[in-house]
PDB file of all heavy atoms in Angstrom:
ATOM      1  N   SER A   1      20.723  -3.245  -3.018  1.00  0.00           N
ATOM      2  CA  SER A   1      21.717  -2.230  -3.079  1.00  0.00           C
ATOM      3  C   SER A   1      21.408  -1.448  -4.344  1.00  0.00           C
ATOM      4  O   SER A   1      20.332  -1.561  -4.962  1.00  0.00           O
ATOM      5  CB  SER A   1      23.147  -2.879  -3.119  1.00  0.00           C
ATOM      6  OG  SER A   1      24.102  -1.920  -3.173  1.00  0.00           O
ATOM      7  N   GLY A   2      22.491  -0.658  -4.833  1.00  0.00           N
ATOM      8  CA  GLY A   2      22.113   0.240  -6.021  1.00  0.00           C
ATOM      9  C   GLY A   2      23.322   0.378  -6.729  1.00  0.00           C
ATOM     10  O   GLY A   2      24.203  -0.446  -6.834  1.00  0.00           O
ATOM     11  N   GLY A   3      23.541   1.661  -7.348  1.00  0.00           N
ATOM     12  CA  GLY A   3      22.678   2.925  -7.122  1.00  0.00           C
ATOM     13  C   GLY A   3      22.226   3.125  -5.621  1.00  0.00           C
ATOM     14  O   GLY A   3      22.694   2.594  -4.725  1.00  0.00           O
ATOM     15  N   GLU A   4      21.267   3.871  -5.558  1.00  0.00           N
ATOM     16  CA  GLU A   4      20.591   4.072  -4.286  1.00  0.00           C
ATOM     17  C   GLU A   4      19.235   3.424  -4.275  1.00  0.00           C
ATOM     18  O   GLU A   4      18.302   3.860  -4.928  1.00  0.00           O
ATOM     19  CB  GLU A   4      20.406   5.523  -3.988  1.00  0.00           C
ATOM     20  CG  GLU A   4      19.526   6.035  -2.826  1.00  0.00           C
ATOM     21  CD  GLU A   4      20.056   5.078  -1.553  1.00  0.00           C
ATOM     22  OE1 GLU A   4      21.209   5.147  -1.152  1.00  0.00           O
ATOM     23  OE2 GLU A   4      19.162   4.538  -1.068  1.00  0.00           O
ATOM     24  N   PRO A   5      19.105   2.365  -3.525  1.00  0.00           N
ATOM     25  CA  PRO A   5      17.861   1.475  -3.630  1.00  0.00           C
ATOM     26  C   PRO A   5      16.568   2.248  -3.254  1.00  0.00           C
ATOM     27  O   PRO A   5      15.505   1.849  -3.672  1.00  0.00           O
ATOM     28  CB  PRO A   5      18.239   0.277  -2.732  1.00  0.00           C
ATOM     29  CG  PRO A   5      19.391   0.717  -1.866  1.00  0.00           C
ATOM     30  CD  PRO A   5      20.072   1.715  -2.679  1.00  0.00           C
ATOM     31  N   LEU A   6      16.745   3.177  -2.334  1.00  0.00           N
ATOM     32  CA  LEU A   6      15.554   3.943  -1.855  1.00  0.00           C
ATOM     33  C   LEU A   6      14.985   4.823  -2.943  1.00  0.00           C
ATOM     34  O   LEU A   6      13.788   5.270  -2.801  1.00  0.00           O
ATOM     35  CB  LEU A   6      15.923   4.846  -0.718  1.00  0.00           C
ATOM     36  CG  LEU A   6      16.148   4.102   0.645  1.00  0.00           C
ATOM     37  CD1 LEU A   6      16.811   4.961   1.673  1.00  0.00           C
ATOM     38  CD2 LEU A   6      14.861   3.544   1.143  1.00  0.00           C
ATOM     39  N   LEU A   7      15.559   4.962  -4.171  1.00  0.00           N
ATOM     40  CA  LEU A   7      15.055   5.571  -5.291  1.00  0.00           C
ATOM     41  C   LEU A   7      14.190   4.631  -6.189  1.00  0.00           C
ATOM     42  O   LEU A   7      13.666   5.081  -7.239  1.00  0.00           O
ATOM     43  CB  LEU A   7      16.119   6.206  -6.143  1.00  0.00           C
ATOM     44  CG  LEU A   7      16.998   7.400  -5.360  1.00  0.00           C
ATOM     45  CD1 LEU A   7      18.165   7.926  -6.274  1.00  0.00           C
ATOM     46  CD2 LEU A   7      16.179   8.387  -4.695  1.00  0.00           C
ATOM     47  N   ARG A   8      14.083   3.438  -5.770  1.00  0.00           N
ATOM     48  CA  ARG A   8      13.274   2.483  -6.413  1.00  0.00           C
ATOM     49  C   ARG A   8      11.901   2.515  -5.757  1.00  0.00           C
ATOM     50  O   ARG A   8      11.680   2.106  -4.742  1.00  0.00           O
ATOM     51  CB  ARG A   8      13.925   1.072  -6.516  1.00  0.00           C
ATOM     52  CG  ARG A   8      12.995   0.143  -7.212  1.00  0.00           C
ATOM     53  CD  ARG A   8      13.701  -1.258  -7.549  1.00  0.00           C
ATOM     54  NE  ARG A   8      12.589  -2.121  -8.237  1.00  0.00           N
ATOM     55  CZ  ARG A   8      12.797  -2.708  -9.340  1.00  0.00           C
ATOM     56  NH1 ARG A   8      13.911  -2.726 -10.004  1.00  0.00           N
ATOM     57  NH2 ARG A   8      11.826  -3.622  -9.809  1.00  0.00           N
ATOM     58  N   PRO A   9      10.753   2.912  -6.485  1.00  0.00           N
ATOM     59  CA  PRO A   9       9.588   3.027  -5.785  1.00  0.00           C
ATOM     60  C   PRO A   9       8.981   1.876  -5.146  1.00  0.00           C
ATOM     61  O   PRO A   9       8.299   1.865  -4.219  1.00  0.00           O
ATOM     62  CB  PRO A   9       8.648   3.511  -6.934  1.00  0.00           C
ATOM     63  CG  PRO A   9       9.566   4.279  -7.944  1.00  0.00           C
ATOM     64  CD  PRO A   9      10.817   3.326  -7.907  1.00  0.00           C
ATOM     65  N   ASP A  10       9.217   0.623  -5.714  1.00  0.00           N
ATOM     66  CA  ASP A  10       8.638  -0.568  -5.190  1.00  0.00           C
ATOM     67  C   ASP A  10       9.560  -1.345  -4.351  1.00  0.00           C
ATOM     68  O   ASP A  10       9.351  -2.522  -3.866  1.00  0.00           O
ATOM     69  CB  ASP A  10       8.216  -1.435  -6.302  1.00  0.00           C
ATOM     70  CG  ASP A  10       9.459  -1.899  -7.269  1.00  0.00           C
ATOM     71  OD1 ASP A  10      10.470  -1.474  -7.019  1.00  0.00           O
ATOM     72  OD2 ASP A  10       9.261  -2.641  -8.137  1.00  0.00           O
ATOM     73  N   LEU A  11      10.695  -0.611  -3.744  1.00  0.00           N
ATOM     74  CA  LEU A  11      11.548  -1.336  -2.805  1.00  0.00           C
ATOM     75  C   LEU A  11      10.909  -1.934  -1.631  1.00  0.00           C
ATOM     76  O   LEU A  11      11.097  -3.118  -1.258  1.00  0.00           O
ATOM     77  CB  LEU A  11      12.641  -0.164  -2.335  1.00  0.00           C
ATOM     78  CG  LEU A  11      13.647  -0.671  -1.196  1.00  0.00           C
ATOM     79  CD1 LEU A  11      14.546  -1.704  -1.777  1.00  0.00           C
ATOM     80  CD2 LEU A  11      14.219   0.494  -0.565  1.00  0.00           C
ATOM     81  N   ARG A  12      10.142  -1.163  -0.897  1.00  0.00           N
ATOM     82  CA  ARG A  12       9.513  -1.700   0.474  1.00  0.00           C
ATOM     83  C   ARG A  12       8.524  -2.861   0.009  1.00  0.00           C
ATOM     84  O   ARG A  12       8.533  -3.907   0.756  1.00  0.00           O
ATOM     85  CB  ARG A  12       8.790  -0.593   1.089  1.00  0.00           C
ATOM     86  CG  ARG A  12       9.774   0.395   1.766  1.00  0.00           C
ATOM     87  CD  ARG A  12       9.185   1.668   2.272  1.00  0.00           C
ATOM     88  NE  ARG A  12       8.527   2.477   1.209  1.00  0.00           N
ATOM     89  CZ  ARG A  12       9.187   3.288   0.420  1.00  0.00           C
ATOM     90  NH1 ARG A  12      10.446   3.418   0.365  1.00  0.00           N
ATOM     91  NH2 ARG A  12       8.505   3.895  -0.663  1.00  0.00           N
ATOM     92  N   ALA A  13       7.837  -2.810  -0.998  1.00  0.00           N
ATOM     93  CA  ALA A  13       6.846  -3.825  -1.425  1.00  0.00           C
ATOM     94  C   ALA A  13       7.620  -5.153  -1.759  1.00  0.00           C
ATOM     95  O   ALA A  13       7.291  -6.208  -1.366  1.00  0.00           O
ATOM     96  CB  ALA A  13       5.966  -3.423  -2.635  1.00  0.00           C
ATOM     97  N   LEU A  14       8.732  -4.867  -2.441  1.00  0.00           N
ATOM     98  CA  LEU A  14       9.569  -6.161  -2.756  1.00  0.00           C
ATOM     99  C   LEU A  14      10.175  -6.809  -1.529  1.00  0.00           C
ATOM    100  O   LEU A  14      10.346  -8.037  -1.446  1.00  0.00           O
ATOM    101  CB  LEU A  14      10.630  -5.664  -3.809  1.00  0.00           C
ATOM    102  CG  LEU A  14      10.096  -5.370  -5.274  1.00  0.00           C
ATOM    103  CD1 LEU A  14      11.119  -4.836  -6.107  1.00  0.00           C
ATOM    104  CD2 LEU A  14       9.440  -6.690  -5.871  1.00  0.00           C
ATOM    105  N   SER A  15      10.628  -5.955  -0.574  1.00  0.00           N
ATOM    106  CA  SER A  15      11.240  -6.414   0.493  1.00  0.00           C
ATOM    107  C   SER A  15      10.092  -7.236   1.441  1.00  0.00           C
ATOM    108  O   SER A  15      10.384  -8.380   1.845  1.00  0.00           O
ATOM    109  CB  SER A  15      11.755  -5.429   1.589  1.00  0.00           C
ATOM    110  OG  SER A  15      12.224  -5.878   2.701  1.00  0.00           O
ATOM    111  N   SER A  16       8.829  -6.621   1.423  1.00  0.00           N
ATOM    112  CA  SER A  16       7.820  -7.371   2.228  1.00  0.00           C
ATOM    113  C   SER A  16       7.500  -8.736   1.435  1.00  0.00           C
ATOM    114  O   SER A  16       7.307  -9.701   2.162  1.00  0.00           O
ATOM    115  CB  SER A  16       6.551  -6.406   2.152  1.00  0.00           C
ATOM    116  OG  SER A  16       6.856  -5.313   2.938  1.00  0.00           O
ATOM    117  N   PHE A  17       7.516  -8.655   0.059  1.00  0.00           N
ATOM    118  CA  PHE A  17       7.264  -9.905  -0.528  1.00  0.00           C
ATOM    119  C   PHE A  17       8.352 -10.973  -0.345  1.00  0.00           C
ATOM    120  O   PHE A  17       8.154 -12.119  -0.040  1.00  0.00           O
ATOM    121  CB  PHE A  17       7.136  -9.647  -2.109  1.00  0.00           C
ATOM    122  CG  PHE A  17       6.857 -10.738  -2.884  1.00  0.00           C
ATOM    123  CD1 PHE A  17       5.685 -11.358  -2.932  1.00  0.00           C
ATOM    124  CD2 PHE A  17       7.847 -11.264  -3.683  1.00  0.00           C
ATOM    125  CE1 PHE A  17       5.470 -12.551  -3.728  1.00  0.00           C
ATOM    126  CE2 PHE A  17       7.623 -12.480  -4.594  1.00  0.00           C
ATOM    127  CZ  PHE A  17       6.463 -12.976  -4.554  1.00  0.00           C
ATOM    128  N   ALA A  18       9.592 -10.484  -0.353  1.00  0.00           N
ATOM    129  CA  ALA A  18      10.817 -11.362  -0.053  1.00  0.00           C
ATOM    130  C   ALA A  18      10.618 -12.091   1.277  1.00  0.00           C
ATOM    131  O   ALA A  18      10.792 -13.200   1.418  1.00  0.00           O
ATOM    132  CB  ALA A  18      12.085 -10.735  -0.290  1.00  0.00           C
ATOM    133  N   VAL A  19      10.322 -11.250   2.241  1.00  0.00           N
ATOM    134  CA  VAL A  19      10.258 -11.716   3.681  1.00  0.00           C
ATOM    135  C   VAL A  19       9.135 -12.821   3.772  1.00  0.00           C
ATOM    136  O   VAL A  19       9.270 -13.668   4.479  1.00  0.00           O
ATOM    137  CB  VAL A  19       9.954 -10.457   4.586  1.00  0.00           C
ATOM    138  CG1 VAL A  19       9.653 -11.072   6.059  1.00  0.00           C
ATOM    139  CG2 VAL A  19      11.265  -9.644   4.673  1.00  0.00           C
ATOM    140  N   SER A  20       8.025 -12.422   3.116  1.00  0.00           N
ATOM    141  CA  SER A  20       6.935 -13.392   3.083  1.00  0.00           C
ATOM    142  C   SER A  20       7.258 -14.744   2.553  1.00  0.00           C
ATOM    143  O   SER A  20       6.598 -15.827   2.759  1.00  0.00           O
ATOM    144  CB  SER A  20       5.602 -12.824   2.369  1.00  0.00           C
ATOM    145  OG  SER A  20       5.863 -12.833   0.926  1.00  0.00           O
ATOM    146  N   LYS A  21       8.342 -14.784   1.652  1.00  0.00           N
ATOM    147  CA  LYS A  21       8.769 -15.993   1.072  1.00  0.00           C
ATOM    148  C   LYS A  21       9.869 -16.706   1.802  1.00  0.00           C
ATOM    149  O   LYS A  21      10.351 -17.684   1.430  1.00  0.00           O
ATOM    150  CB  LYS A  21       9.260 -15.719  -0.386  1.00  0.00           C
ATOM    151  CG  LYS A  21       8.178 -15.240  -1.285  1.00  0.00           C
ATOM    152  CD  LYS A  21       7.053 -16.307  -1.466  1.00  0.00           C
ATOM    153  CE  LYS A  21       6.000 -15.860  -2.455  1.00  0.00           C
ATOM    154  NZ  LYS A  21       4.854 -16.811  -2.633  1.00  0.00           N
ATOM    155  N   GLY A  22      10.173 -16.085   2.987  1.00  0.00           N
ATOM    156  CA  GLY A  22      11.241 -16.652   3.858  1.00  0.00           C
ATOM    157  C   GLY A  22      12.635 -16.019   3.640  1.00  0.00           C
ATOM    158  O   GLY A  22      13.443 -16.644   4.370  1.00  0.00           O
ATOM    159  N   LEU A  23      12.818 -15.218   2.863  1.00  0.00           N
ATOM    160  CA  LEU A  23      14.080 -14.509   2.706  1.00  0.00           C
ATOM    161  C   LEU A  23      14.292 -13.548   3.859  1.00  0.00           C
ATOM    162  O   LEU A  23      13.424 -12.837   4.290  1.00  0.00           O
ATOM    163  CB  LEU A  23      14.327 -13.759   1.321  1.00  0.00           C
ATOM    164  CG  LEU A  23      14.476 -14.659   0.189  1.00  0.00           C
ATOM    165  CD1 LEU A  23      14.132 -13.842  -1.101  1.00  0.00           C
ATOM    166  CD2 LEU A  23      15.839 -15.202   0.112  1.00  0.00           C
ATOM    167  N   ARG A  24      15.573 -13.391   4.253  1.00  0.00           N
ATOM    168  CA  ARG A  24      16.007 -12.236   5.097  1.00  0.00           C
ATOM    169  C   ARG A  24      16.446 -11.024   4.196  1.00  0.00           C
ATOM    170  O   ARG A  24      17.296 -11.358   3.338  1.00  0.00           O
ATOM    171  CB  ARG A  24      17.031 -12.630   6.126  1.00  0.00           C
ATOM    172  CG  ARG A  24      17.519 -11.376   7.048  1.00  0.00           C
ATOM    173  CD  ARG A  24      18.156 -11.992   8.320  1.00  0.00           C
ATOM    174  NE  ARG A  24      19.508 -12.466   8.012  1.00  0.00           N
ATOM    175  CZ  ARG A  24      20.663 -11.611   8.050  1.00  0.00           C
ATOM    176  NH1 ARG A  24      20.452 -10.347   8.479  1.00  0.00           N
ATOM    177  NH2 ARG A  24      21.850 -12.043   7.853  1.00  0.00           N
ATOM    178  N   THR A  25      15.956  -9.858   4.473  1.00  0.00           N
ATOM    179  CA  THR A  25      16.329  -8.700   3.569  1.00  0.00           C
ATOM    180  C   THR A  25      17.147  -7.741   4.253  1.00  0.00           C
ATOM    181  O   THR A  25      16.779  -7.521   5.507  1.00  0.00           O
ATOM    182  CB  THR A  25      15.074  -8.155   3.008  1.00  0.00           C
ATOM    183  OG1 THR A  25      14.225  -7.599   4.006  1.00  0.00           O
ATOM    184  CG2 THR A  25      14.218  -9.095   2.065  1.00  0.00           C
ATOM    185  N   VAL A  26      18.150  -7.186   3.749  1.00  0.00           N
ATOM    186  CA  VAL A  26      18.884  -6.118   4.309  1.00  0.00           C
ATOM    187  C   VAL A  26      19.147  -5.095   3.184  1.00  0.00           C
ATOM    188  O   VAL A  26      18.930  -5.279   1.983  1.00  0.00           O
ATOM    189  CB  VAL A  26      20.261  -6.756   4.753  1.00  0.00           C
ATOM    190  CG1 VAL A  26      20.290  -7.913   5.871  1.00  0.00           C
ATOM    191  CG2 VAL A  26      21.204  -7.389   3.520  1.00  0.00           C
ATOM    192  N   LEU A  27      19.566  -3.998   3.700  1.00  0.00           N
ATOM    193  CA  LEU A  27      19.612  -2.715   2.788  1.00  0.00           C
ATOM    194  C   LEU A  27      20.994  -1.997   2.930  1.00  0.00           C
ATOM    195  O   LEU A  27      21.468  -1.870   3.952  1.00  0.00           O
ATOM    196  CB  LEU A  27      18.493  -1.809   3.204  1.00  0.00           C
ATOM    197  CG  LEU A  27      18.335  -0.498   2.495  1.00  0.00           C
ATOM    198  CD1 LEU A  27      17.888  -0.757   1.024  1.00  0.00           C
ATOM    199  CD2 LEU A  27      17.348   0.443   3.150  1.00  0.00           C
ATOM    200  N   SER A  28      21.534  -1.800   1.707  1.00  0.00           N
ATOM    201  CA  SER A  28      22.743  -1.060   1.627  1.00  0.00           C
ATOM    202  C   SER A  28      22.372   0.350   0.994  1.00  0.00           C
ATOM    203  O   SER A  28      21.908   0.257  -0.039  1.00  0.00           O
ATOM    204  CB  SER A  28      23.782  -1.751   0.864  1.00  0.00           C
ATOM    205  OG  SER A  28      24.960  -0.892   0.670  1.00  0.00           O
ATOM    206  N   THR A  29      22.550   1.367   1.697  1.00  0.00           N
ATOM    207  CA  THR A  29      22.071   2.703   1.234  1.00  0.00           C
ATOM    208  C   THR A  29      23.086   3.856   1.684  1.00  0.00           C
ATOM    209  O   THR A  29      23.950   3.647   2.432  1.00  0.00           O
ATOM    210  CB  THR A  29      20.720   3.029   1.855  1.00  0.00           C
ATOM    211  OG1 THR A  29      20.370   4.394   1.660  1.00  0.00           O
ATOM    212  CG2 THR A  29      20.915   2.829   3.403  1.00  0.00           C
ATOM    213  N   ASN A  30      22.999   4.906   0.955  1.00  0.00           N
ATOM    214  CA  ASN A  30      23.717   6.161   1.309  1.00  0.00           C
ATOM    215  C   ASN A  30      23.178   6.964   2.543  1.00  0.00           C
ATOM    216  O   ASN A  30      23.867   7.855   2.979  1.00  0.00           O
ATOM    217  CB  ASN A  30      24.196   6.992   0.086  1.00  0.00           C
ATOM    218  CG  ASN A  30      23.013   7.540  -0.558  1.00  0.00           C
ATOM    219  OD1 ASN A  30      22.085   8.162   0.238  1.00  0.00           O
ATOM    220  ND2 ASN A  30      23.014   7.733  -1.871  1.00  0.00           N
ATOM    221  N   GLY A  31      22.007   6.560   2.807  1.00  0.00           N
ATOM    222  CA  GLY A  31      21.299   7.123   3.981  1.00  0.00           C
ATOM    223  C   GLY A  31      20.784   8.475   3.773  1.00  0.00           C
ATOM    224  O   GLY A  31      19.844   8.904   4.606  1.00  0.00           O
ATOM    225  N   THR A  32      20.962   9.227   2.633  1.00  0.00           N
ATOM    226  CA  THR A  32      20.565  10.520   2.521  1.00  0.00           C
ATOM    227  C   THR A  32      18.969  10.588   2.306  1.00  0.00           C
ATOM    228  O   THR A  32      18.431  11.649   2.402  1.00  0.00           O
ATOM    229  CB  THR A  32      21.432  11.280   1.382  1.00  0.00           C
ATOM    230  OG1 THR A  32      21.081  10.494   0.208  1.00  0.00           O
ATOM    231  CG2 THR A  32      22.752  11.231   1.632  1.00  0.00           C
ATOM    232  N   ALA A  33      18.354   9.597   1.730  1.00  0.00           N
ATOM    233  CA  ALA A  33      16.970   9.539   1.467  1.00  0.00           C
ATOM    234  C   ALA A  33      16.135   8.947   2.504  1.00  0.00           C
ATOM    235  O   ALA A  33      14.937   8.753   2.382  1.00  0.00           O
ATOM    236  CB  ALA A  33      16.748   8.819   0.185  1.00  0.00           C
ATOM    237  N   ILE A  34      16.682   8.719   3.791  1.00  0.00           N
ATOM    238  CA  ILE A  34      15.875   8.129   4.858  1.00  0.00           C
ATOM    239  C   ILE A  34      15.295   9.389   5.638  1.00  0.00           C
ATOM    240  O   ILE A  34      15.860   9.912   6.668  1.00  0.00           O
ATOM    241  CB  ILE A  34      16.794   7.260   5.817  1.00  0.00           C
ATOM    242  CG1 ILE A  34      17.385   6.221   4.953  1.00  0.00           C
ATOM    243  CG2 ILE A  34      15.852   6.831   6.917  1.00  0.00           C
ATOM    244  CD1 ILE A  34      18.334   5.341   5.761  1.00  0.00           C
ATOM    245  N   GLY A  35      14.205   9.953   5.179  1.00  0.00           N
ATOM    246  CA  GLY A  35      13.599  11.076   5.744  1.00  0.00           C
ATOM    247  C   GLY A  35      12.677  10.639   6.852  1.00  0.00           C
ATOM    248  O   GLY A  35      12.606   9.560   7.177  1.00  0.00           O
ATOM    249  N   GLU A  36      11.889  11.634   7.332  1.00  0.00           N
ATOM    250  CA  GLU A  36      10.928  11.352   8.418  1.00  0.00           C
ATOM    251  C   GLU A  36       9.978  10.297   7.904  1.00  0.00           C
ATOM    252  O   GLU A  36       9.338  10.510   6.857  1.00  0.00           O
ATOM    253  CB  GLU A  36      10.183  12.706   8.738  1.00  0.00           C
ATOM    254  CG  GLU A  36      11.076  13.786   9.404  1.00  0.00           C
ATOM    255  CD  GLU A  36      11.630  13.432  10.776  1.00  0.00           C
ATOM    256  OE1 GLU A  36      11.039  12.527  11.348  1.00  0.00           O
ATOM    257  OE2 GLU A  36      12.620  14.103  11.211  1.00  0.00           O
TER     258      GLU A  36
END
C-alpha cells in the first residue's frame, strides 16, 4: 500500500521476490497509474 505503491520503482521486483519466498501479495492502489 502507500501512498501510491505504483510510484515505488522496485514494486514489481519486490512482489516477485515475495512470491518466490511463498508469500501471497496483494496491491492497494488508487488505480490512476495503471497505464497500458
